[in-house]
N, C-alpha and C. Protein backbone atom coordinates (compact mmCIF):
# COMPACT_ATOMS: atom_id res chain seq x y z
N UNK A 1 -102.93 57.69 94.49
CA UNK A 1 -103.71 58.47 93.55
C UNK A 1 -104.38 59.62 94.31
N UNK A 2 -104.38 60.78 93.71
CA UNK A 2 -105.04 61.94 94.31
C UNK A 2 -106.50 61.95 93.89
N UNK A 3 -107.38 62.21 94.82
CA UNK A 3 -108.81 62.31 94.52
C UNK A 3 -109.18 63.77 94.46
N UNK A 4 -109.91 64.13 93.41
CA UNK A 4 -110.21 65.53 93.14
C UNK A 4 -111.70 65.77 93.08
N UNK A 5 -112.09 67.04 93.26
CA UNK A 5 -113.49 67.39 93.10
C UNK A 5 -113.77 67.72 91.63
N UNK A 6 -114.98 68.18 91.34
CA UNK A 6 -115.39 68.45 89.96
C UNK A 6 -114.54 69.53 89.30
N UNK A 7 -113.91 70.38 90.08
CA UNK A 7 -113.10 71.47 89.53
C UNK A 7 -111.63 71.11 89.43
N UNK A 8 -111.29 69.86 89.75
CA UNK A 8 -109.91 69.43 89.67
C UNK A 8 -109.10 69.72 90.93
N UNK A 9 -109.76 70.24 91.96
CA UNK A 9 -109.09 70.53 93.22
C UNK A 9 -108.82 69.23 93.95
N UNK A 10 -107.56 69.01 94.32
CA UNK A 10 -107.21 67.77 95.03
C UNK A 10 -107.83 67.82 96.42
N UNK A 11 -108.64 66.82 96.72
CA UNK A 11 -109.31 66.75 98.01
C UNK A 11 -108.54 65.87 99.00
N UNK A 12 -107.92 64.81 98.49
CA UNK A 12 -107.15 63.92 99.36
C UNK A 12 -106.16 63.14 98.51
N UNK A 13 -104.99 62.96 99.03
CA UNK A 13 -103.95 62.18 98.36
C UNK A 13 -103.89 60.84 99.08
N UNK A 14 -104.22 59.78 98.38
CA UNK A 14 -104.35 58.46 98.99
C UNK A 14 -103.06 57.99 99.67
N UNK A 15 -101.91 58.22 99.02
CA UNK A 15 -100.64 57.77 99.60
C UNK A 15 -100.30 58.57 100.86
N UNK A 16 -100.59 59.85 100.85
CA UNK A 16 -100.35 60.67 102.04
C UNK A 16 -101.28 60.24 103.17
N UNK A 17 -102.52 59.95 102.83
CA UNK A 17 -103.47 59.48 103.85
C UNK A 17 -102.99 58.16 104.45
N UNK A 18 -102.50 57.26 103.60
CA UNK A 18 -101.98 55.98 104.09
C UNK A 18 -100.78 56.20 105.01
N UNK A 19 -99.91 57.14 104.66
CA UNK A 19 -98.76 57.46 105.50
C UNK A 19 -99.22 58.02 106.85
N UNK A 20 -100.24 58.87 106.82
CA UNK A 20 -100.79 59.42 108.06
C UNK A 20 -101.37 58.32 108.93
N UNK A 21 -102.10 57.40 108.32
CA UNK A 21 -102.69 56.29 109.06
C UNK A 21 -101.59 55.43 109.68
N UNK A 22 -100.51 55.22 108.94
CA UNK A 22 -99.39 54.43 109.46
C UNK A 22 -98.79 55.11 110.69
N UNK A 23 -98.61 56.43 110.62
CA UNK A 23 -98.07 57.17 111.76
C UNK A 23 -99.02 57.12 112.95
N UNK A 24 -100.31 57.26 112.68
CA UNK A 24 -101.30 57.19 113.75
C UNK A 24 -101.32 55.81 114.40
N UNK A 25 -101.19 54.76 113.59
CA UNK A 25 -101.14 53.41 114.15
C UNK A 25 -99.91 53.22 115.02
N UNK A 26 -98.78 53.79 114.63
CA UNK A 26 -97.57 53.72 115.44
C UNK A 26 -97.78 54.43 116.78
N UNK A 27 -98.42 55.59 116.73
CA UNK A 27 -98.72 56.32 117.96
C UNK A 27 -99.67 55.52 118.84
N UNK A 28 -100.66 54.90 118.21
CA UNK A 28 -101.61 54.08 118.97
C UNK A 28 -100.90 52.90 119.62
N UNK A 29 -99.98 52.28 118.90
CA UNK A 29 -99.21 51.16 119.47
C UNK A 29 -98.41 51.61 120.69
N UNK A 30 -97.85 52.81 120.62
CA UNK A 30 -97.11 53.35 121.77
C UNK A 30 -98.04 53.57 122.96
N UNK A 31 -99.24 54.01 122.68
CA UNK A 31 -100.21 54.21 123.76
C UNK A 31 -100.64 52.88 124.38
N UNK A 32 -100.76 51.85 123.56
CA UNK A 32 -101.09 50.52 124.09
C UNK A 32 -99.99 50.04 125.01
N UNK A 33 -98.74 50.26 124.62
CA UNK A 33 -97.61 49.90 125.48
C UNK A 33 -97.64 50.71 126.77
N UNK A 34 -97.96 51.97 126.67
CA UNK A 34 -98.05 52.84 127.84
C UNK A 34 -99.13 52.34 128.80
N UNK A 35 -100.27 51.93 128.24
CA UNK A 35 -101.35 51.40 129.08
C UNK A 35 -100.90 50.13 129.81
N UNK A 36 -100.14 49.28 129.14
CA UNK A 36 -99.64 48.07 129.78
C UNK A 36 -98.73 48.42 130.96
N UNK A 37 -97.87 49.41 130.77
CA UNK A 37 -96.96 49.83 131.85
C UNK A 37 -97.77 50.41 133.01
N UNK A 38 -98.74 51.26 132.69
CA UNK A 38 -99.55 51.87 133.74
C UNK A 38 -100.35 50.82 134.51
N UNK A 39 -100.88 49.86 133.80
CA UNK A 39 -101.62 48.78 134.48
C UNK A 39 -100.68 47.94 135.35
N UNK A 40 -99.45 47.75 134.90
CA UNK A 40 -98.46 47.05 135.70
C UNK A 40 -98.14 47.83 136.98
N UNK A 41 -97.97 49.12 136.84
CA UNK A 41 -97.72 49.96 138.01
C UNK A 41 -98.89 49.87 138.99
N UNK A 42 -100.10 49.93 138.46
CA UNK A 42 -101.28 49.85 139.32
C UNK A 42 -101.31 48.51 140.06
N UNK A 43 -100.95 47.43 139.35
CA UNK A 43 -100.93 46.13 139.99
C UNK A 43 -99.90 46.03 141.10
N UNK A 44 -98.71 46.54 140.84
CA UNK A 44 -97.65 46.52 141.84
C UNK A 44 -98.04 47.40 143.02
N UNK A 45 -98.60 48.56 142.73
CA UNK A 45 -98.95 49.51 143.78
C UNK A 45 -100.07 49.00 144.68
N UNK A 46 -100.89 48.11 144.19
CA UNK A 46 -102.03 47.63 144.99
C UNK A 46 -101.58 46.88 146.24
N UNK A 47 -100.34 46.42 146.26
CA UNK A 47 -99.81 45.72 147.43
C UNK A 47 -99.40 46.70 148.53
N UNK A 48 -99.31 47.97 148.23
CA UNK A 48 -98.85 48.96 149.19
C UNK A 48 -100.02 49.72 149.80
N UNK A 49 -99.77 50.28 150.97
CA UNK A 49 -100.78 51.10 151.65
C UNK A 49 -100.15 52.42 152.04
N UNK A 50 -100.99 53.36 152.34
CA UNK A 50 -100.50 54.64 152.80
C UNK A 50 -100.79 55.76 151.81
N UNK A 51 -100.37 56.94 152.19
CA UNK A 51 -100.65 58.14 151.41
C UNK A 51 -99.95 58.10 150.05
N UNK A 52 -98.72 57.64 150.03
CA UNK A 52 -97.99 57.57 148.76
C UNK A 52 -98.66 56.59 147.81
N UNK A 53 -99.08 55.45 148.34
CA UNK A 53 -99.76 54.44 147.51
C UNK A 53 -101.07 54.98 146.96
N UNK A 54 -101.79 55.73 147.79
CA UNK A 54 -103.06 56.33 147.35
C UNK A 54 -102.80 57.36 146.25
N UNK A 55 -101.77 58.17 146.43
CA UNK A 55 -101.43 59.18 145.41
C UNK A 55 -101.03 58.51 144.11
N UNK A 56 -100.22 57.46 144.20
CA UNK A 56 -99.81 56.73 142.99
C UNK A 56 -101.03 56.14 142.30
N UNK A 57 -101.92 55.53 143.08
CA UNK A 57 -103.13 54.92 142.50
C UNK A 57 -103.97 55.97 141.78
N UNK A 58 -104.19 57.10 142.43
CA UNK A 58 -105.00 58.18 141.83
C UNK A 58 -104.35 58.69 140.54
N UNK A 59 -103.07 58.91 140.59
CA UNK A 59 -102.35 59.43 139.43
C UNK A 59 -102.36 58.43 138.28
N UNK A 60 -102.11 57.16 138.60
CA UNK A 60 -102.10 56.13 137.55
C UNK A 60 -103.48 56.01 136.91
N UNK A 61 -104.53 56.04 137.71
CA UNK A 61 -105.88 55.95 137.15
C UNK A 61 -106.19 57.15 136.25
N UNK A 62 -105.74 58.34 136.65
CA UNK A 62 -105.93 59.53 135.81
C UNK A 62 -105.17 59.38 134.49
N UNK A 63 -103.95 58.90 134.59
CA UNK A 63 -103.14 58.72 133.38
C UNK A 63 -103.75 57.66 132.46
N UNK A 64 -104.24 56.58 133.03
CA UNK A 64 -104.88 55.54 132.22
C UNK A 64 -106.07 56.13 131.47
N UNK A 65 -106.87 56.92 132.17
CA UNK A 65 -108.05 57.54 131.54
C UNK A 65 -107.63 58.45 130.38
N UNK A 66 -106.58 59.26 130.60
CA UNK A 66 -106.10 60.17 129.55
C UNK A 66 -105.54 59.40 128.35
N UNK A 67 -104.75 58.37 128.62
CA UNK A 67 -104.15 57.59 127.54
C UNK A 67 -105.24 56.86 126.75
N UNK A 68 -106.22 56.30 127.45
CA UNK A 68 -107.33 55.65 126.76
C UNK A 68 -108.09 56.64 125.89
N UNK A 69 -108.25 57.87 126.37
CA UNK A 69 -108.91 58.91 125.58
C UNK A 69 -108.12 59.26 124.33
N UNK A 70 -106.80 59.36 124.49
CA UNK A 70 -105.94 59.65 123.33
C UNK A 70 -105.99 58.50 122.32
N UNK A 71 -105.98 57.28 122.82
CA UNK A 71 -106.05 56.10 121.94
C UNK A 71 -107.36 56.09 121.17
N UNK A 72 -108.45 56.38 121.86
CA UNK A 72 -109.76 56.44 121.19
C UNK A 72 -109.80 57.55 120.14
N UNK A 73 -109.19 58.70 120.45
CA UNK A 73 -109.16 59.81 119.49
C UNK A 73 -108.36 59.42 118.25
N UNK A 74 -107.25 58.72 118.45
CA UNK A 74 -106.45 58.27 117.31
C UNK A 74 -107.25 57.27 116.47
N UNK A 75 -107.93 56.34 117.12
CA UNK A 75 -108.74 55.36 116.38
C UNK A 75 -109.84 56.07 115.58
N UNK A 76 -110.45 57.09 116.17
CA UNK A 76 -111.48 57.86 115.46
C UNK A 76 -110.88 58.57 114.25
N UNK A 77 -109.69 59.14 114.41
CA UNK A 77 -109.02 59.84 113.31
C UNK A 77 -108.69 58.87 112.18
N UNK A 78 -108.19 57.69 112.53
CA UNK A 78 -107.88 56.67 111.52
C UNK A 78 -109.15 56.30 110.75
N UNK A 79 -110.23 56.08 111.48
CA UNK A 79 -111.50 55.74 110.82
C UNK A 79 -111.97 56.86 109.91
N UNK A 80 -111.83 58.10 110.37
CA UNK A 80 -112.26 59.25 109.57
C UNK A 80 -111.45 59.35 108.28
N UNK A 81 -110.13 59.22 108.40
CA UNK A 81 -109.27 59.28 107.21
C UNK A 81 -109.67 58.19 106.22
N UNK A 82 -109.86 56.98 106.72
CA UNK A 82 -110.24 55.87 105.84
C UNK A 82 -111.59 56.12 105.17
N UNK A 83 -112.54 56.69 105.90
CA UNK A 83 -113.85 57.00 105.33
C UNK A 83 -113.74 58.05 104.23
N UNK A 84 -112.92 59.07 104.48
CA UNK A 84 -112.75 60.14 103.47
C UNK A 84 -112.10 59.57 102.21
N UNK A 85 -111.09 58.73 102.37
CA UNK A 85 -110.44 58.12 101.21
C UNK A 85 -111.46 57.31 100.42
N UNK A 86 -112.25 56.50 101.10
CA UNK A 86 -113.26 55.69 100.42
C UNK A 86 -114.30 56.57 99.72
N UNK A 87 -114.70 57.65 100.38
CA UNK A 87 -115.67 58.58 99.79
C UNK A 87 -115.15 59.12 98.46
N UNK A 88 -113.89 59.55 98.46
CA UNK A 88 -113.35 60.14 97.24
C UNK A 88 -113.00 59.10 96.18
N UNK A 89 -112.80 57.87 96.59
CA UNK A 89 -112.64 56.80 95.60
C UNK A 89 -113.95 56.64 94.82
N UNK A 90 -115.06 56.68 95.54
CA UNK A 90 -116.38 56.56 94.91
C UNK A 90 -116.65 57.77 94.02
N UNK A 91 -116.36 58.96 94.53
CA UNK A 91 -116.57 60.18 93.73
C UNK A 91 -115.73 60.13 92.47
N UNK A 92 -114.46 59.73 92.61
CA UNK A 92 -113.55 59.64 91.47
C UNK A 92 -114.06 58.64 90.44
N UNK A 93 -114.50 57.47 90.92
CA UNK A 93 -115.02 56.45 90.00
C UNK A 93 -116.26 56.95 89.28
N UNK A 94 -117.14 57.66 90.00
CA UNK A 94 -118.35 58.20 89.37
C UNK A 94 -118.01 59.25 88.31
N UNK A 95 -117.03 60.11 88.62
CA UNK A 95 -116.63 61.12 87.64
C UNK A 95 -116.03 60.45 86.40
N UNK A 96 -115.22 59.43 86.58
CA UNK A 96 -114.64 58.72 85.44
C UNK A 96 -115.74 58.10 84.58
N UNK A 97 -116.74 57.53 85.25
CA UNK A 97 -117.86 56.93 84.51
C UNK A 97 -118.63 58.00 83.74
N UNK A 98 -118.84 59.16 84.36
CA UNK A 98 -119.55 60.24 83.67
C UNK A 98 -118.76 60.73 82.47
N UNK A 99 -117.45 60.87 82.64
CA UNK A 99 -116.59 61.33 81.54
C UNK A 99 -116.60 60.31 80.41
N UNK A 100 -116.44 59.04 80.77
CA UNK A 100 -116.43 57.98 79.75
C UNK A 100 -117.78 57.90 79.04
N UNK A 101 -118.88 58.09 79.77
CA UNK A 101 -120.21 58.07 79.15
C UNK A 101 -120.39 59.24 78.20
N UNK A 102 -119.86 60.39 78.58
CA UNK A 102 -119.98 61.59 77.73
C UNK A 102 -119.15 61.45 76.46
N UNK A 103 -118.08 60.70 76.52
CA UNK A 103 -117.21 60.53 75.36
C UNK A 103 -117.73 59.49 74.38
N UNK A 104 -118.61 58.63 74.84
CA UNK A 104 -119.10 57.57 73.94
C UNK A 104 -120.38 57.95 73.27
């Protein structure tokens, strides 16, 4: 269902928002898998010493930080989309009630 403002302007399409959330969840799942791989690399690398091991450790830690940031951003976006959908569900219900009250 599309949620509209008082002028009939579509503010959000619930099915499209759900599709976006589904895509974002898929991306988040990929990032979770990426974090598992990076943590595995870090674990394997901890047995090694030397300049290459230090470089790998530094790079892996940087990548983990970036991936965790992207995952958090996706989670925030999912929450925002869900909040907007809920907001317009309430607005839509209130408008329907006002219209029904005016008609009776």
